[in-house]
Amino acid sequence: MKLRKITSLTMFLSFLLLIVTSIVLYVVPEGRVSYWSDWRFMGLTKTLWGDVHINLGVLFLVSGLLHLYYNWKPMVAYMKNKAKQLKIFTPDFNVALALTLIFTVGTLLHIPPMSTILDFSASFKDAGAQKYGEPPYGHAELSSLKMFAQRTGLDLDVIKQQLQKSGMVFDDESSTLLDIARANNCTPKDVYVAMLPPKETTDAETFPDQPFPGIGRMRLEDLCTQYNLDTEKIINGLGAKQIKAEPGQTIKEIAQVKGMEPQTLFEVIHEVVTSL
């Protein structure tokens, strides 16, 4: 066995596996959605895929440095001009440097085609959020039943009664949604659905006090229709707060223009609704 060959093959294999983990992490739903729905691919969670990606990256880096060491002479030759003089900024090096800077700066400025790559990834993540559902708030699965009731405004006694009716096994109100999910071989989302009281049929739903899962993807006009609100009045109310909105825009799109999160915009909409 030769260390040089082992180095090259290790770098090659780790690179191939990095491609696989990169593709998975490119399309995986956002962390809050993955943890909420216990998302898995090939039996691995988002966290495990991330762990594998990081360690493969370290392996690739180490083998890459060794590969550079063993191939230092050819690398130096790439940076020599026709007179065999060492020159770092050769035409080839300048093109490579330019491409690297373009992709780096383009990503920071969010301009095409770099922004297109990111937006394409975001579309996969949004589709995942729509398919699996979003938690009421970040890392809700780690909250105890008592804390979850406080954060969501649900009645703790009703939550426990509903879980018992659904056959969910849990110790007490200090149990987290994740603990209950694992004890019942289901997802935190399933536990949340089981604890919700039956909906009462009404002519029009009351506008909620807290943001609900999927609010960012909802169009403003659909939000107004669902809660029997006058879309024009809501738009005018947002305009008075220096927030420009169109009926066909999603809450996320409106929020992004102002550099805020959808949950923050929801609070502003709530203020407008309560002032009508």
Protein backbone atom coordinates (compact mmCIF):
# COMPACT_ATOMS: atom_id res chain seq x y z
CA MET A 1 0.00 0.00 0.00
CA LYS A 2 1.15 3.51 -0.81
CA LEU A 3 0.05 6.49 1.30
CA ARG A 4 -0.16 8.64 -1.81
CA LYS A 5 -2.69 6.31 -3.46
CA ILE A 6 -4.67 5.94 -0.23
CA THR A 7 -4.83 9.73 0.07
CA SER A 8 -6.11 10.19 -3.47
CA LEU A 9 -8.71 7.43 -3.15
CA THR A 10 -9.87 8.71 0.25
CA MET A 11 -10.31 12.20 -1.15
CA PHE A 12 -12.21 10.78 -4.13
CA LEU A 13 -14.57 8.61 -2.06
CA SER A 14 -15.23 11.29 0.56
CA PHE A 15 -15.97 13.73 -2.27
CA LEU A 16 -18.54 11.34 -3.78
CA LEU A 17 -20.26 10.89 -0.42
CA LEU A 18 -20.16 14.65 0.18
CA ILE A 19 -22.12 15.05 -3.04
CA VAL A 20 -24.79 12.70 -1.67
CA THR A 21 -25.02 14.43 1.73
CA SER A 22 -25.01 17.86 0.05
CA ILE A 23 -27.96 16.90 -2.16
CA VAL A 24 -29.89 15.57 0.85
CA LEU A 25 -29.22 18.73 2.90
CA TYR A 26 -30.09 20.84 -0.15
CA VAL A 27 -33.64 19.46 -0.30
CA VAL A 28 -34.29 18.56 3.35
CA PRO A 29 -37.07 20.59 5.06
CA GLU A 30 -36.08 23.33 7.50
CA GLY A 31 -34.89 22.13 10.89
CA ARG A 32 -38.08 23.12 12.72
CA VAL A 33 -40.14 21.10 10.22
CA SER A 34 -37.75 18.12 10.24
CA TYR A 35 -37.72 17.85 14.02
CA TRP A 36 -41.49 18.39 14.26
CA SER A 37 -42.31 15.65 11.73
CA ASP A 38 -39.36 13.38 12.62
CA TRP A 39 -38.23 13.58 8.99
CA ARG A 40 -35.98 10.78 7.83
CA PHE A 41 -34.28 9.67 4.63
CA MET A 42 -32.72 6.24 4.37
CA GLY A 43 -33.41 5.90 8.08
CA LEU A 44 -31.35 8.97 9.01
CA THR A 45 -32.66 12.19 10.54
CA LYS A 46 -31.64 15.66 9.40
CA THR A 47 -29.26 15.89 12.36
CA LEU A 48 -27.52 12.62 11.44
CA TRP A 49 -27.20 13.66 7.79
CA GLY A 50 -25.64 16.91 8.96
CA ASP A 51 -23.23 15.06 11.26
CA VAL A 52 -22.14 12.74 8.45
CA HIS A 53 -21.70 15.73 6.12
CA ILE A 54 -19.47 17.57 8.62
CA ASN A 55 -17.21 14.60 9.34
CA LEU A 56 -16.92 13.70 5.66
CA GLY A 57 -15.98 17.33 5.06
CA VAL A 58 -13.19 17.05 7.63
CA LEU A 59 -11.98 13.81 6.03
CA PHE A 60 -12.05 15.44 2.59
CA LEU A 61 -10.14 18.47 3.94
CA VAL A 62 -7.41 16.38 5.56
CA SER A 63 -7.00 14.13 2.52
CA GLY A 64 -7.06 17.23 0.30
CA LEU A 65 -4.21 18.80 2.25
CA LEU A 66 -2.22 15.57 2.01
CA HIS A 67 -3.02 15.38 -1.70
CA LEU A 68 -1.73 18.94 -2.07
CA TYR A 69 1.45 17.95 -0.23
CA TYR A 70 2.08 14.97 -2.50
CA ASN A 71 1.31 16.98 -5.63
CA TRP A 72 2.98 20.24 -4.66
CA LYS A 73 5.31 20.29 -7.65
CA PRO A 74 2.53 20.00 -10.28
CA MET A 75 0.54 22.64 -8.36
CA VAL A 76 3.49 25.04 -8.41
CA ALA A 77 3.92 24.33 -12.13
CA TYR A 78 0.36 25.58 -12.71
CA MET A 79 1.46 28.96 -11.36
CA LYS A 80 4.46 29.40 -13.63
CA ASN A 81 4.47 31.45 -16.80
CA LYS A 82 5.95 30.42 -20.14
CA ALA A 83 9.40 31.47 -18.93
CA LYS A 84 9.07 28.93 -16.08
CA GLN A 85 9.01 31.76 -13.54
CA LEU A 86 6.76 31.42 -10.51
CA LYS A 87 3.84 33.79 -10.84
CA ILE A 88 0.77 33.42 -8.68
CA PHE A 89 -1.56 35.61 -10.69
CA THR A 90 -1.36 33.71 -13.95
CA PRO A 91 -4.28 33.94 -16.42
CA ASP A 92 -5.55 30.53 -15.27
CA PHE A 93 -5.28 31.49 -11.59
CA ASN A 94 -7.03 34.81 -12.26
CA VAL A 95 -9.99 33.05 -13.92
CA ALA A 96 -10.26 30.59 -11.00
CA LEU A 97 -10.06 33.46 -8.50
CA ALA A 98 -12.67 35.47 -10.43
CA LEU A 99 -15.12 32.56 -10.51
CA THR A 100 -14.68 32.00 -6.77
CA LEU A 101 -15.21 35.69 -5.96
CA ILE A 102 -18.22 35.95 -8.29
CA PHE A 103 -19.96 33.04 -6.61
CA THR A 104 -19.08 34.32 -3.12
CA VAL A 105 -20.13 37.94 -3.67
CA GLY A 106 -23.11 36.90 -5.80
CA THR A 107 -24.36 34.71 -2.96
CA LEU A 108 -24.00 37.53 -0.43
CA LEU A 109 -25.82 39.97 -2.73
CA HIS A 110 -28.40 37.34 -3.67
CA ILE A 111 -28.14 37.85 -7.42
CA PRO A 112 -28.65 35.27 -10.22
CA PRO A 113 -27.58 32.59 -10.85
CA MET A 114 -26.44 32.17 -7.24
CA SER A 115 -29.80 33.35 -5.90
CA THR A 116 -31.55 30.91 -8.26
CA ILE A 117 -29.68 28.01 -6.68
CA LEU A 118 -30.73 29.17 -3.21
CA ASP A 119 -34.33 29.85 -4.26
CA PHE A 120 -34.57 26.39 -5.80
CA SER A 121 -33.46 24.90 -2.50
CA ALA A 122 -35.99 27.09 -0.67
CA SER A 123 -38.76 25.76 -2.92
CA PHE A 124 -37.94 22.20 -1.81
CA LYS A 125 -37.94 23.29 1.83
CA ASP A 126 -41.26 25.14 1.45
CA ALA A 127 -42.77 22.07 -0.20
CA GLY A 128 -41.52 20.00 2.72
CA ALA A 129 -43.08 22.42 5.21
CA GLN A 130 -46.38 22.21 3.34
CA LYS A 131 -46.27 18.41 3.27
CA TYR A 132 -45.17 17.76 6.84
CA GLY A 133 -46.54 20.87 8.57
CA GLU A 134 -44.81 23.39 10.79
CA PRO A 135 -44.71 23.59 14.60
CA PRO A 136 -46.46 26.45 16.42
CA TYR A 137 -42.98 27.76 17.31
CA GLY A 138 -39.35 26.70 16.97
CA HIS A 139 -38.36 23.48 18.78
CA ALA A 140 -41.87 23.06 20.14
CA GLU A 141 -41.15 19.33 20.36
CA LEU A 142 -38.75 20.02 23.25
CA SER A 143 -41.39 21.82 25.33
CA SER A 144 -43.16 20.13 28.21
CA LEU A 145 -46.95 19.88 28.03
CA LYS A 146 -47.18 22.65 30.61
CA MET A 147 -44.88 24.99 28.68
CA PHE A 148 -46.54 24.09 25.38
CA ALA A 149 -49.95 25.00 26.80
CA GLN A 150 -48.60 28.37 27.97
CA ARG A 151 -46.94 29.13 24.63
CA THR A 152 -49.95 28.18 22.49
CA GLY A 153 -52.76 29.38 24.76
CA LEU A 154 -54.27 25.89 25.02
CA ASP A 155 -55.86 24.62 28.23
CA LEU A 156 -53.49 22.15 29.94
CA ASP A 157 -56.31 20.04 31.36
CA VAL A 158 -57.95 19.81 27.94
CA ILE A 159 -54.62 18.80 26.40
CA LYS A 160 -54.18 15.94 28.87
CA GLN A 161 -57.78 14.81 28.42
CA GLN A 162 -57.44 14.78 24.64
CA LEU A 163 -54.19 12.82 24.78
CA GLN A 164 -55.81 10.25 27.05
CA LYS A 165 -58.80 9.96 24.70
CA SER A 166 -56.40 9.40 21.81
CA GLY A 167 -54.66 6.61 23.70
CA MET A 168 -51.40 8.55 24.02
CA VAL A 169 -49.18 7.33 26.87
CA PHE A 170 -47.40 10.03 28.91
CA ASP A 171 -46.17 10.48 32.47
CA ASP A 172 -47.27 13.95 33.50
CA GLU A 173 -47.34 17.59 32.39
CA SER A 174 -43.53 17.74 32.55
CA SER A 175 -43.26 15.27 29.65
CA THR A 176 -42.06 16.85 26.43
CA LEU A 177 -43.82 16.34 23.12
CA LEU A 178 -40.73 14.52 21.85
CA ASP A 179 -40.78 12.14 24.85
CA ILE A 180 -44.46 11.41 24.28
CA ALA A 181 -43.89 10.89 20.57
CA ARG A 182 -41.11 8.36 21.19
CA ALA A 183 -43.14 6.56 23.85
CA ASN A 184 -46.05 6.20 21.41
CA ASN A 185 -43.96 5.52 18.29
CA CYS A 186 -45.19 8.60 16.45
CA THR A 187 -44.06 12.15 15.62
CA PRO A 188 -44.35 15.32 17.74
CA LYS A 189 -46.80 16.55 15.11
CA ASP A 190 -49.03 13.53 15.76
CA VAL A 191 -48.99 14.32 19.47
CA TYR A 192 -49.97 17.93 18.73
CA VAL A 193 -52.86 16.84 16.52
CA ALA A 194 -54.05 14.42 19.18
CA MET A 195 -54.09 17.07 21.91
CA LEU A 196 -56.19 19.59 19.96
CA PRO A 197 -59.81 19.88 21.09
CA PRO A 198 -62.54 19.25 18.49
CA LYS A 199 -63.21 22.31 16.36
CA GLU A 200 -66.54 24.01 16.82
CA THR A 201 -68.34 24.81 13.59
CA THR A 202 -68.86 28.54 13.19
CA ASP A 203 -69.75 30.83 10.32
CA ALA A 204 -66.40 32.58 10.51
CA GLU A 205 -63.24 31.73 12.39
CA THR A 206 -61.88 34.19 14.94
CA PHE A 207 -58.53 35.66 13.95
CA PRO A 208 -55.91 33.84 16.07
CA ASP A 209 -53.70 35.57 18.61
CA GLN A 210 -50.65 33.49 17.68
CA PRO A 211 -49.07 32.64 14.30
CA PHE A 212 -50.11 29.20 13.07
CA PRO A 213 -48.12 26.61 11.07
CA GLY A 214 -47.80 27.53 7.39
CA ILE A 215 -48.67 31.22 7.88
CA GLY A 216 -45.66 32.28 5.77
CA ARG A 217 -46.89 30.45 2.65
CA MET A 218 -50.44 31.78 2.91
CA ARG A 219 -51.50 34.54 0.53
CA LEU A 220 -52.85 37.68 2.14
CA GLU A 221 -56.17 37.46 0.32
CA ASP A 222 -56.62 33.84 1.43
CA LEU A 223 -55.87 34.81 5.02
CA CYS A 224 -58.49 37.54 4.86
CA THR A 225 -61.03 35.20 3.27
CA GLN A 226 -60.51 32.52 5.92
CA TYR A 227 -61.14 34.98 8.75
CA ASN A 228 -63.80 37.07 7.01
CA LEU A 229 -61.63 40.20 6.82
CA ASP A 230 -61.78 43.05 4.34
CA THR A 231 -58.61 42.64 2.28
CA GLU A 232 -58.52 46.30 1.22
CA LYS A 233 -58.78 47.49 4.82
CA ILE A 234 -55.97 45.16 5.88
CA ILE A 235 -53.76 46.42 3.03
CA ASN A 236 -54.52 50.03 3.96
CA GLY A 237 -53.77 49.27 7.60
CA LEU A 238 -50.42 47.76 6.66
CA GLY A 239 -49.73 50.73 4.41
CA ALA A 240 -50.24 53.05 7.36
CA LYS A 241 -47.43 51.13 9.06
CA GLN A 242 -45.16 51.60 6.01
CA ILE A 243 -45.68 48.02 4.82
CA LYS A 244 -46.63 47.64 1.16
CA ALA A 245 -48.71 44.57 0.38
CA GLU A 246 -50.66 43.05 -2.51
CA PRO A 247 -53.55 40.57 -2.18
CA GLY A 248 -51.72 37.86 -4.13
CA GLN A 249 -48.51 38.08 -2.12
CA THR A 250 -47.74 35.53 0.56
CA ILE A 251 -47.11 36.65 4.13
CA LYS A 252 -43.47 35.57 3.71
CA GLU A 253 -43.03 37.67 0.55
CA ILE A 254 -44.52 40.77 2.19
CA ALA A 255 -42.33 40.27 5.26
CA GLN A 256 -39.12 39.78 3.24
CA VAL A 257 -39.51 43.19 1.57
CA LYS A 258 -39.44 44.80 5.01
CA GLY A 259 -36.65 42.53 6.26
CA MET A 260 -38.80 40.87 8.89
CA GLU A 261 -39.94 37.36 9.74
CA PRO A 262 -43.48 36.15 8.83
CA GLN A 263 -44.26 35.78 12.54
CA THR A 264 -43.39 39.46 13.09
CA LEU A 265 -45.61 40.52 10.20
CA PHE A 266 -48.41 38.39 11.66
CA GLU A 267 -48.21 40.46 14.84
CA VAL A 268 -48.56 43.64 12.77
CA ILE A 269 -51.57 42.18 10.91
CA HIS A 270 -53.05 41.23 14.29
CA GLU A 271 -52.71 44.85 15.41
CA VAL A 272 -54.47 46.02 12.24
CA VAL A 273 -57.27 43.46 12.70
CA THR A 274 -57.88 44.43 16.33
CA SER A 275 -57.98 48.12 15.42
CA LEU A 276 -60.74 47.67 12.82
